[in-house]
Amino acid sequence: MNVCASIPLLSLALGAPLAACAGGVARISDNVDPVIIDQVLTSAAEQVRRCYHAPRVASVGKQIVTRLLIRLNVDGSLAGLPAVAEQTGITPDNQAYAGPMAEAASLAVIRCAPLRLPAEHYSRVWQEFELKFSPKKAV
């Protein structure tokens, strides 16, 4: 099961859709209603969206998509630092911006912790999930 909720992420220099995804890394039971999963992960993405500050990068840097692995404690605090699960869209022309894009995404999660999410869905939905930052897909 893979569930993603895209949320527009507005910032100073660019808008970045933010998606919260659960599936391969999250411990989602098959008996969890997909609507609940979507609501919980959308809430997480909305909270992080408010803490995101886009780095000043050239337009080629906005092609980089950063996917972070987030691990939380039951109180919503970080169980560890966000980890870059993957970055795509990196080319020889923009590889210098990969670090700042990953750092901006990680700092958004750190600034917003603890996240306020329903404890009853902790172990089955949001103990571990991914957030995907996609600046190029901004509208």
N, C-alpha and C. Protein backbone atom coordinates (compact mmCIF):
# COMPACT_ATOMS: atom_id res chain seq x y z
N MET A 1 0.85 -1.18 0.00
CA MET A 1 0.00 0.00 0.00
C MET A 1 0.89 1.23 0.00
N ASN A 2 0.59 2.19 -0.84
CA ASN A 2 1.33 3.43 -0.89
C ASN A 2 0.34 4.57 -0.94
N VAL A 3 0.34 5.43 0.06
CA VAL A 3 -0.60 6.53 0.13
C VAL A 3 0.19 7.82 0.17
N CYS A 4 -0.15 8.76 -0.69
CA CYS A 4 0.51 10.06 -0.71
C CYS A 4 -0.54 11.16 -0.72
N ALA A 5 -0.26 12.23 0.01
CA ALA A 5 -1.15 13.38 0.04
C ALA A 5 -0.34 14.61 -0.35
N SER A 6 -0.65 15.22 -1.48
CA SER A 6 0.09 16.39 -1.93
C SER A 6 -0.53 17.65 -1.34
N ILE A 7 0.31 18.48 -0.78
CA ILE A 7 -0.11 19.72 -0.16
C ILE A 7 0.74 20.84 -0.75
N PRO A 8 0.14 21.92 -1.26
CA PRO A 8 0.97 23.02 -1.76
C PRO A 8 1.81 23.59 -0.62
N LEU A 9 3.06 23.82 -0.89
CA LEU A 9 3.97 24.37 0.11
C LEU A 9 4.44 25.72 -0.41
N LEU A 10 3.96 26.77 0.18
CA LEU A 10 4.33 28.11 -0.26
C LEU A 10 5.50 28.61 0.58
N SER A 11 6.40 29.32 -0.05
CA SER A 11 7.55 29.83 0.67
C SER A 11 7.96 31.16 0.07
N LEU A 12 9.05 31.71 0.55
CA LEU A 12 9.49 33.03 0.10
C LEU A 12 9.86 33.06 -1.37
N ALA A 13 10.70 32.12 -1.80
CA ALA A 13 11.23 32.18 -3.16
C ALA A 13 10.48 31.28 -4.13
N LEU A 14 9.86 30.23 -3.64
CA LEU A 14 9.19 29.29 -4.53
C LEU A 14 8.10 28.58 -3.78
N GLY A 15 7.20 27.98 -4.52
CA GLY A 15 6.17 27.15 -3.91
C GLY A 15 6.59 25.71 -4.13
N ALA A 16 6.50 24.90 -3.12
CA ALA A 16 6.92 23.50 -3.28
C ALA A 16 5.82 22.59 -2.78
N PRO A 17 5.25 21.79 -3.67
CA PRO A 17 4.31 20.82 -3.15
C PRO A 17 5.02 19.87 -2.19
N LEU A 18 4.35 19.52 -1.17
CA LEU A 18 4.90 18.62 -0.17
C LEU A 18 3.98 17.42 -0.11
N ALA A 19 4.54 16.26 -0.27
CA ALA A 19 3.72 15.05 -0.20
C ALA A 19 4.18 14.22 0.99
N ALA A 20 3.23 13.70 1.71
CA ALA A 20 3.53 12.75 2.77
C ALA A 20 3.17 11.39 2.24
N CYS A 21 4.10 10.48 2.30
CA CYS A 21 3.88 9.15 1.73
C CYS A 21 4.14 8.10 2.78
N ALA A 22 3.32 7.10 2.77
CA ALA A 22 3.52 5.97 3.65
C ALA A 22 3.33 4.72 2.82
N GLY A 23 4.05 3.71 3.13
CA GLY A 23 3.92 2.48 2.37
C GLY A 23 5.06 1.56 2.71
N GLY A 24 6.07 1.53 1.84
CA GLY A 24 7.20 0.65 2.04
C GLY A 24 7.91 0.87 3.36
N VAL A 25 8.02 2.10 3.81
CA VAL A 25 8.73 2.36 5.05
C VAL A 25 7.81 2.48 6.24
N ALA A 26 6.57 2.84 6.01
CA ALA A 26 5.66 2.99 7.14
C ALA A 26 5.09 1.63 7.52
N ARG A 27 4.69 1.52 8.76
CA ARG A 27 4.11 0.27 9.24
C ARG A 27 2.60 0.37 9.19
N ILE A 28 2.06 0.39 7.99
CA ILE A 28 0.63 0.56 7.81
C ILE A 28 -0.03 -0.81 7.70
N SER A 29 -1.00 -1.04 8.55
CA SER A 29 -1.73 -2.29 8.51
C SER A 29 -2.76 -2.22 7.38
N ASP A 30 -3.06 -3.37 6.82
CA ASP A 30 -4.05 -3.41 5.76
C ASP A 30 -5.44 -3.02 6.26
N ASN A 31 -5.66 -3.10 7.56
CA ASN A 31 -6.98 -2.79 8.09
C ASN A 31 -7.15 -1.31 8.45
N VAL A 32 -6.21 -0.46 8.11
CA VAL A 32 -6.34 0.96 8.36
C VAL A 32 -7.05 1.60 7.18
N ASP A 33 -8.10 2.34 7.47
CA ASP A 33 -8.87 3.01 6.45
C ASP A 33 -7.97 3.99 5.68
N PRO A 34 -7.91 3.90 4.35
CA PRO A 34 -7.08 4.82 3.57
C PRO A 34 -7.43 6.28 3.79
N VAL A 35 -8.68 6.57 4.13
CA VAL A 35 -9.08 7.95 4.41
C VAL A 35 -8.37 8.44 5.68
N ILE A 36 -8.27 7.59 6.68
CA ILE A 36 -7.56 7.94 7.93
C ILE A 36 -6.09 8.20 7.62
N ILE A 37 -5.49 7.31 6.84
CA ILE A 37 -4.09 7.47 6.48
C ILE A 37 -3.88 8.81 5.79
N ASP A 38 -4.74 9.10 4.82
CA ASP A 38 -4.64 10.35 4.07
C ASP A 38 -4.78 11.56 4.99
N GLN A 39 -5.74 11.52 5.91
CA GLN A 39 -5.96 12.63 6.83
C GLN A 39 -4.76 12.85 7.75
N VAL A 40 -4.23 11.78 8.29
CA VAL A 40 -3.11 11.89 9.23
C VAL A 40 -1.86 12.41 8.51
N LEU A 41 -1.55 11.83 7.36
CA LEU A 41 -0.35 12.26 6.65
C LEU A 41 -0.51 13.65 6.05
N THR A 42 -1.72 14.01 5.65
CA THR A 42 -1.97 15.37 5.18
C THR A 42 -1.74 16.36 6.32
N SER A 43 -2.18 16.01 7.51
CA SER A 43 -1.96 16.87 8.67
C SER A 43 -0.46 17.06 8.93
N ALA A 44 0.30 15.97 8.85
CA ALA A 44 1.75 16.06 9.04
C ALA A 44 2.36 16.99 8.00
N ALA A 45 1.97 16.82 6.73
CA ALA A 45 2.52 17.65 5.66
C ALA A 45 2.14 19.12 5.84
N GLU A 46 0.91 19.39 6.25
CA GLU A 46 0.48 20.78 6.47
C GLU A 46 1.29 21.44 7.58
N GLN A 47 1.57 20.69 8.64
CA GLN A 47 2.34 21.26 9.74
C GLN A 47 3.76 21.59 9.29
N VAL A 48 4.39 20.70 8.55
CA VAL A 48 5.76 20.93 8.08
C VAL A 48 5.79 22.05 7.05
N ARG A 49 4.76 22.14 6.22
CA ARG A 49 4.68 23.19 5.20
C ARG A 49 4.88 24.57 5.81
N ARG A 50 4.29 24.80 6.95
CA ARG A 50 4.38 26.12 7.59
C ARG A 50 5.79 26.45 8.07
N CYS A 51 6.64 25.46 8.21
CA CYS A 51 8.00 25.67 8.71
C CYS A 51 9.06 25.66 7.62
N TYR A 52 8.65 25.46 6.38
CA TYR A 52 9.60 25.35 5.27
C TYR A 52 10.01 26.73 4.77
N HIS A 53 11.31 26.92 4.63
CA HIS A 53 11.87 28.14 4.04
C HIS A 53 12.74 27.70 2.87
N ALA A 54 12.31 28.05 1.67
CA ALA A 54 13.04 27.62 0.48
C ALA A 54 14.42 28.27 0.43
N PRO A 55 15.43 27.51 0.08
CA PRO A 55 16.76 28.11 -0.06
C PRO A 55 16.81 28.93 -1.34
N ARG A 56 17.70 29.88 -1.36
CA ARG A 56 17.90 30.67 -2.58
C ARG A 56 18.79 29.87 -3.51
N VAL A 57 18.17 29.33 -4.53
CA VAL A 57 18.91 28.54 -5.50
C VAL A 57 18.50 28.98 -6.90
N ALA A 58 19.37 28.71 -7.85
CA ALA A 58 19.05 29.00 -9.25
C ALA A 58 17.90 28.10 -9.69
N SER A 59 17.27 28.46 -10.79
CA SER A 59 16.11 27.69 -11.26
C SER A 59 16.44 26.23 -11.49
N VAL A 60 17.67 25.90 -11.87
CA VAL A 60 18.03 24.50 -12.08
C VAL A 60 18.01 23.72 -10.76
N GLY A 61 18.22 24.40 -9.65
CA GLY A 61 18.17 23.76 -8.34
C GLY A 61 16.75 23.34 -7.96
N LYS A 62 15.76 24.03 -8.53
CA LYS A 62 14.36 23.71 -8.23
C LYS A 62 13.90 22.42 -8.90
N GLN A 63 14.76 21.82 -9.70
CA GLN A 63 14.44 20.53 -10.33
C GLN A 63 14.69 19.37 -9.36
N ILE A 64 15.35 19.65 -8.25
CA ILE A 64 15.72 18.61 -7.29
C ILE A 64 14.53 18.30 -6.38
N VAL A 65 14.17 17.04 -6.33
CA VAL A 65 13.10 16.56 -5.46
C VAL A 65 13.76 15.80 -4.31
N THR A 66 13.42 16.18 -3.10
CA THR A 66 14.01 15.57 -1.91
C THR A 66 12.95 14.78 -1.17
N ARG A 67 13.26 13.53 -0.89
CA ARG A 67 12.37 12.67 -0.11
C ARG A 67 13.06 12.36 1.20
N LEU A 68 12.40 12.73 2.32
CA LEU A 68 12.95 12.52 3.66
C LEU A 68 12.23 11.39 4.38
N LEU A 69 12.98 10.62 5.12
CA LEU A 69 12.41 9.62 6.02
C LEU A 69 12.29 10.27 7.39
N ILE A 70 11.07 10.24 7.93
CA ILE A 70 10.78 10.86 9.22
C ILE A 70 10.41 9.76 10.21
N ARG A 71 11.05 9.78 11.37
CA ARG A 71 10.73 8.84 12.45
C ARG A 71 10.34 9.67 13.67
N LEU A 72 9.16 9.38 14.20
CA LEU A 72 8.64 10.15 15.32
C LEU A 72 8.37 9.27 16.53
N ASN A 73 8.40 9.90 17.69
CA ASN A 73 7.95 9.27 18.94
C ASN A 73 6.45 9.47 19.05
N VAL A 74 5.82 8.76 19.96
CA VAL A 74 4.36 8.83 20.10
C VAL A 74 3.87 10.24 20.47
N ASP A 75 4.73 11.06 21.07
CA ASP A 75 4.34 12.44 21.41
C ASP A 75 4.57 13.41 20.24
N GLY A 76 4.99 12.90 19.08
CA GLY A 76 5.20 13.73 17.90
C GLY A 76 6.60 14.31 17.79
N SER A 77 7.42 14.10 18.82
CA SER A 77 8.80 14.59 18.75
C SER A 77 9.62 13.68 17.82
N LEU A 78 10.73 14.19 17.35
CA LEU A 78 11.57 13.42 16.44
C LEU A 78 12.27 12.28 17.19
N ALA A 79 12.22 11.09 16.61
CA ALA A 79 12.93 9.94 17.17
C ALA A 79 14.36 9.90 16.65
N GLY A 80 14.66 10.77 15.73
CA GLY A 80 15.98 10.90 15.13
C GLY A 80 15.92 12.02 14.11
N LEU A 81 17.04 12.42 13.62
CA LEU A 81 17.05 13.47 12.61
C LEU A 81 16.44 12.95 11.32
N PRO A 82 15.76 13.83 10.58
CA PRO A 82 15.23 13.41 9.28
C PRO A 82 16.39 12.93 8.40
N ALA A 83 16.15 11.88 7.65
CA ALA A 83 17.20 11.31 6.79
C ALA A 83 16.77 11.44 5.33
N VAL A 84 17.70 11.83 4.49
CA VAL A 84 17.40 11.89 3.07
C VAL A 84 17.29 10.47 2.55
N ALA A 85 16.09 10.11 2.11
CA ALA A 85 15.85 8.79 1.55
C ALA A 85 16.26 8.76 0.08
N GLU A 86 16.05 9.90 -0.60
CA GLU A 86 16.36 9.96 -2.02
C GLU A 86 16.29 11.40 -2.49
N GLN A 87 17.13 11.73 -3.44
CA GLN A 87 17.02 12.99 -4.17
C GLN A 87 17.04 12.64 -5.65
N THR A 88 16.08 13.18 -6.38
CA THR A 88 16.02 12.95 -7.82
C THR A 88 16.09 14.30 -8.52
N GLY A 89 16.34 14.24 -9.80
CA GLY A 89 16.44 15.46 -10.59
C GLY A 89 17.80 16.12 -10.51
N ILE A 90 18.78 15.45 -9.95
CA ILE A 90 20.12 16.02 -9.84
C ILE A 90 20.86 15.81 -11.15
N THR A 91 21.43 16.91 -11.64
CA THR A 91 22.21 16.90 -12.88
C THR A 91 23.57 17.53 -12.59
N PRO A 92 24.50 17.44 -13.52
CA PRO A 92 25.78 18.13 -13.32
C PRO A 92 25.61 19.64 -13.12
N ASP A 93 24.56 20.21 -13.72
CA ASP A 93 24.34 21.66 -13.61
C ASP A 93 23.76 22.08 -12.26
N ASN A 94 23.08 21.17 -11.56
CA ASN A 94 22.45 21.58 -10.31
C ASN A 94 22.93 20.81 -9.07
N GLN A 95 23.90 19.93 -9.24
CA GLN A 95 24.31 19.11 -8.10
C GLN A 95 24.80 19.93 -6.91
N ALA A 96 25.28 21.13 -7.15
CA ALA A 96 25.73 21.99 -6.04
C ALA A 96 24.56 22.42 -5.15
N TYR A 97 23.33 22.33 -5.66
CA TYR A 97 22.16 22.74 -4.89
C TYR A 97 21.50 21.58 -4.14
N ALA A 98 21.96 20.37 -4.33
CA ALA A 98 21.36 19.22 -3.67
C ALA A 98 21.44 19.35 -2.15
N GLY A 99 22.58 19.75 -1.64
CA GLY A 99 22.75 19.92 -0.19
C GLY A 99 21.81 20.96 0.39
N PRO A 100 21.78 22.18 -0.17
CA PRO A 100 20.86 23.19 0.36
C PRO A 100 19.39 22.78 0.28
N MET A 101 19.00 22.06 -0.77
CA MET A 101 17.61 21.62 -0.89
C MET A 101 17.28 20.59 0.20
N ALA A 102 18.20 19.65 0.44
CA ALA A 102 17.99 18.65 1.49
C ALA A 102 17.98 19.31 2.87
N GLU A 103 18.87 20.25 3.08
CA GLU A 103 18.94 20.93 4.37
C GLU A 103 17.66 21.72 4.65
N ALA A 104 17.13 22.41 3.65
CA ALA A 104 15.89 23.17 3.84
C ALA A 104 14.74 22.25 4.21
N ALA A 105 14.66 21.10 3.57
CA ALA A 105 13.61 20.14 3.88
C ALA A 105 13.77 19.60 5.30
N SER A 106 14.98 19.22 5.66
CA SER A 106 15.24 18.69 7.00
C SER A 106 14.94 19.72 8.08
N LEU A 107 15.36 20.95 7.85
CA LEU A 107 15.14 22.01 8.84
C LEU A 107 13.66 22.29 9.04
N ALA A 108 12.86 22.15 8.00
CA ALA A 108 11.41 22.34 8.14
C ALA A 108 10.83 21.34 9.13
N VAL A 109 11.25 20.11 9.02
CA VAL A 109 10.76 19.06 9.93
C VAL A 109 11.25 19.33 11.35
N ILE A 110 12.50 19.68 11.50
CA ILE A 110 13.07 19.95 12.82
C ILE A 110 12.37 21.13 13.48
N ARG A 111 12.15 22.21 12.71
CA ARG A 111 11.49 23.40 13.26
C ARG A 111 10.09 23.10 13.75
N CYS A 112 9.38 22.23 13.04
CA CYS A 112 7.97 21.97 13.35
C CYS A 112 7.75 20.93 14.42
N ALA A 113 8.76 20.18 14.76
CA ALA A 113 8.59 19.15 15.79
C ALA A 113 8.34 19.81 17.14
N PRO A 114 7.47 19.25 17.94
CA PRO A 114 6.75 17.99 17.72
C PRO A 114 5.52 18.21 16.84
N LEU A 115 5.23 17.22 16.00
CA LEU A 115 4.03 17.25 15.18
C LEU A 115 2.85 16.80 16.03
N ARG A 116 1.72 17.39 15.77
CA ARG A 116 0.50 17.04 16.52
C ARG A 116 -0.33 16.10 15.66
N LEU A 117 -0.25 14.82 15.98
CA LEU A 117 -0.93 13.77 15.22
C LEU A 117 -1.66 12.85 16.20
N PRO A 118 -2.73 12.20 15.76
CA PRO A 118 -3.51 11.35 16.67
C PRO A 118 -2.74 10.13 17.15
N ALA A 119 -2.56 10.04 18.45
CA ALA A 119 -1.77 8.96 19.04
C ALA A 119 -2.32 7.58 18.71
N GLU A 120 -3.62 7.47 18.53
CA GLU A 120 -4.21 6.14 18.28
C GLU A 120 -3.77 5.56 16.93
N HIS A 121 -3.21 6.38 16.06
CA HIS A 121 -2.75 5.89 14.76
C HIS A 121 -1.22 5.84 14.66
N TYR A 122 -0.55 6.04 15.78
CA TYR A 122 0.91 6.12 15.79
C TYR A 122 1.59 4.91 15.16
N SER A 123 1.40 3.74 15.72
CA SER A 123 2.17 2.58 15.26
C SER A 123 1.75 2.09 13.88
N ARG A 124 0.53 2.40 13.47
CA ARG A 124 0.05 1.88 12.18
C ARG A 124 0.15 2.88 11.04
N VAL A 125 0.36 4.16 11.33
CA VAL A 125 0.36 5.17 10.26
C VAL A 125 1.58 6.08 10.29
N TRP A 126 1.87 6.71 11.42
CA TRP A 126 2.84 7.80 11.38
C TRP A 126 4.09 7.65 12.24
N GLN A 127 4.37 6.49 12.72
CA GLN A 127 5.62 6.29 13.47
C GLN A 127 6.81 6.54 12.55
N GLU A 128 6.68 6.13 11.30
CA GLU A 128 7.72 6.32 10.30
C GLU A 128 7.04 6.54 8.95
N PHE A 129 7.39 7.62 8.28
CA PHE A 129 6.79 7.93 6.99
C PHE A 129 7.76 8.82 6.22
N GLU A 130 7.40 9.14 5.00
CA GLU A 130 8.26 9.98 4.17
C GLU A 130 7.54 11.26 3.78
N LEU A 131 8.33 12.32 3.68
CA LEU A 131 7.86 13.59 3.14
C LEU A 131 8.65 13.87 1.88
N LYS A 132 7.96 14.30 0.85
CA LYS A 132 8.59 14.56 -0.44
C LYS A 132 8.43 16.04 -0.78
N PHE A 133 9.55 16.72 -0.98
CA PHE A 133 9.57 18.14 -1.32
C PHE A 133 9.87 18.27 -2.80
N SER A 134 8.93 18.89 -3.55
CA SER A 134 9.04 18.97 -5.02
C SER A 134 8.89 20.40 -5.50
N PRO A 135 9.92 21.22 -5.42
CA PRO A 135 9.80 22.63 -5.78
C PRO A 135 9.38 22.87 -7.23
N LYS A 136 9.81 22.06 -8.16
CA LYS A 136 9.50 22.30 -9.58
C LYS A 136 8.02 22.17 -9.88
N LYS A 137 7.29 21.40 -9.09
CA LYS A 137 5.88 21.16 -9.35
C LYS A 137 4.99 22.27 -8.80
N ALA A 138 5.59 23.35 -8.38
CA ALA A 138 4.79 24.45 -7.84
C ALA A 138 3.91 25.07 -8.92
N VAL A 139 2.76 25.54 -8.50
CA VAL A 139 1.84 26.18 -9.44
C VAL A 139 1.89 27.67 -9.30
